[in-house]
Amino acid sequence: MPWSTPFDDPIPLRGGRRLVTLQQAADHVMALPESVQHEAHWQTAIENLIKAAETGGGWLMFARIAMIRALNTDGRKTG
């Protein structure tokens, strides 16, 4: 499955932006500070994004869920 594959529903971000594709989600994670990328919730999101790109199928949904959970976890940290 190409990295340009869109999620069934875009992932909303604070400020109104949205992550529409696997690539946009991966770019978002890669733009985080390296120390943040190594946190468990972001590692899970990265693993699921890679699995979705490599195999497709239901992994696209798992990748979306993992991204939303990671974003929500960070949201609780920052208030």
Protein backbone atom coordinates (compact mmCIF):
# COMPACT_ATOMS: atom_id res chain seq x y z
CA MET A 1 0.00 0.00 0.00
CA PRO A 2 1.57 3.33 -0.98
CA TRP A 3 2.29 5.98 1.63
CA SER A 4 -0.12 8.24 -0.27
CA THR A 5 -3.05 6.03 0.80
CA PRO A 6 -5.69 8.09 2.57
CA PHE A 7 -7.27 7.11 5.88
CA ASP A 8 -11.00 6.32 5.72
CA ASP A 9 -11.50 9.41 7.89
CA PRO A 10 -8.85 12.12 8.25
CA ILE A 11 -7.20 12.51 11.66
CA PRO A 12 -8.05 15.93 13.13
CA LEU A 13 -5.29 18.00 14.72
CA ARG A 14 -5.57 20.98 17.01
CA GLY A 15 -5.86 24.17 15.05
CA GLY A 16 -8.06 22.61 12.37
CA ARG A 17 -5.40 20.78 10.35
CA ARG A 18 -5.96 17.16 9.38
CA LEU A 19 -3.77 14.20 8.55
CA VAL A 20 -5.27 12.66 5.43
CA THR A 21 -2.67 10.09 4.31
CA LEU A 22 -0.19 7.63 5.80
CA GLN A 23 2.59 9.95 4.57
CA GLN A 24 1.14 13.00 6.30
CA ALA A 25 0.86 11.01 9.54
CA ALA A 26 4.46 9.78 9.22
CA ASP A 27 5.68 13.31 8.47
CA HIS A 28 3.84 14.57 11.55
CA VAL A 29 5.59 12.04 13.78
CA MET A 30 8.98 12.72 12.19
CA ALA A 31 8.55 16.45 12.87
CA LEU A 32 8.28 15.79 16.61
CA PRO A 33 11.39 16.13 18.76
CA GLU A 34 13.39 12.90 18.75
CA SER A 35 12.86 12.38 22.48
CA VAL A 36 9.08 12.53 21.92
CA GLN A 37 9.26 10.12 18.97
CA HIS A 38 10.80 7.53 21.32
CA GLU A 39 7.86 7.61 23.73
CA ALA A 40 5.89 4.36 23.74
CA HIS A 41 2.67 5.80 22.30
CA TRP A 42 4.51 7.32 19.33
CA GLN A 43 6.52 4.12 18.77
CA THR A 44 3.23 2.22 18.58
CA ALA A 45 1.88 4.74 16.07
CA ILE A 46 5.04 4.47 13.93
CA GLU A 47 4.94 0.66 13.97
CA ASN A 48 1.31 0.68 12.85
CA LEU A 49 1.98 3.22 10.09
CA ILE A 50 4.80 1.06 8.75
CA LYS A 51 2.69 -2.11 8.96
CA ALA A 52 -0.13 -0.36 7.08
CA ALA A 53 2.25 0.78 4.34
CA GLU A 54 3.81 -2.69 4.05
CA THR A 55 0.69 -4.85 4.18
CA GLY A 56 -2.41 -2.71 3.88
CA GLY A 57 -5.71 -4.27 4.83
CA GLY A 58 -6.95 -3.67 8.35
CA TRP A 59 -3.61 -2.13 9.34
CA LEU A 60 -4.76 1.20 7.91
CA MET A 61 -7.48 1.34 10.57
CA PHE A 62 -5.02 0.30 13.31
CA ALA A 63 -2.60 3.00 12.17
CA ARG A 64 -5.33 5.63 12.37
CA ILE A 65 -6.34 4.49 15.86
CA ALA A 66 -2.71 4.46 17.05
CA MET A 67 -2.18 8.00 15.74
CA ILE A 68 -5.31 9.28 17.47
CA ARG A 69 -4.29 7.60 20.74
CA ALA A 70 -0.79 9.09 20.52
CA LEU A 71 -2.17 12.54 19.82
CA ASN A 72 -4.62 12.23 22.72
CA THR A 73 -1.88 11.04 25.07
CA ASP A 74 0.24 14.07 24.19
CA GLY A 75 -2.82 16.28 24.62
CA ARG A 76 -3.28 15.10 28.20
CA LYS A 77 0.37 15.88 28.95
CA THR A 78 0.19 19.44 27.70
CA GLY A 79 -3.22 20.23 29.09
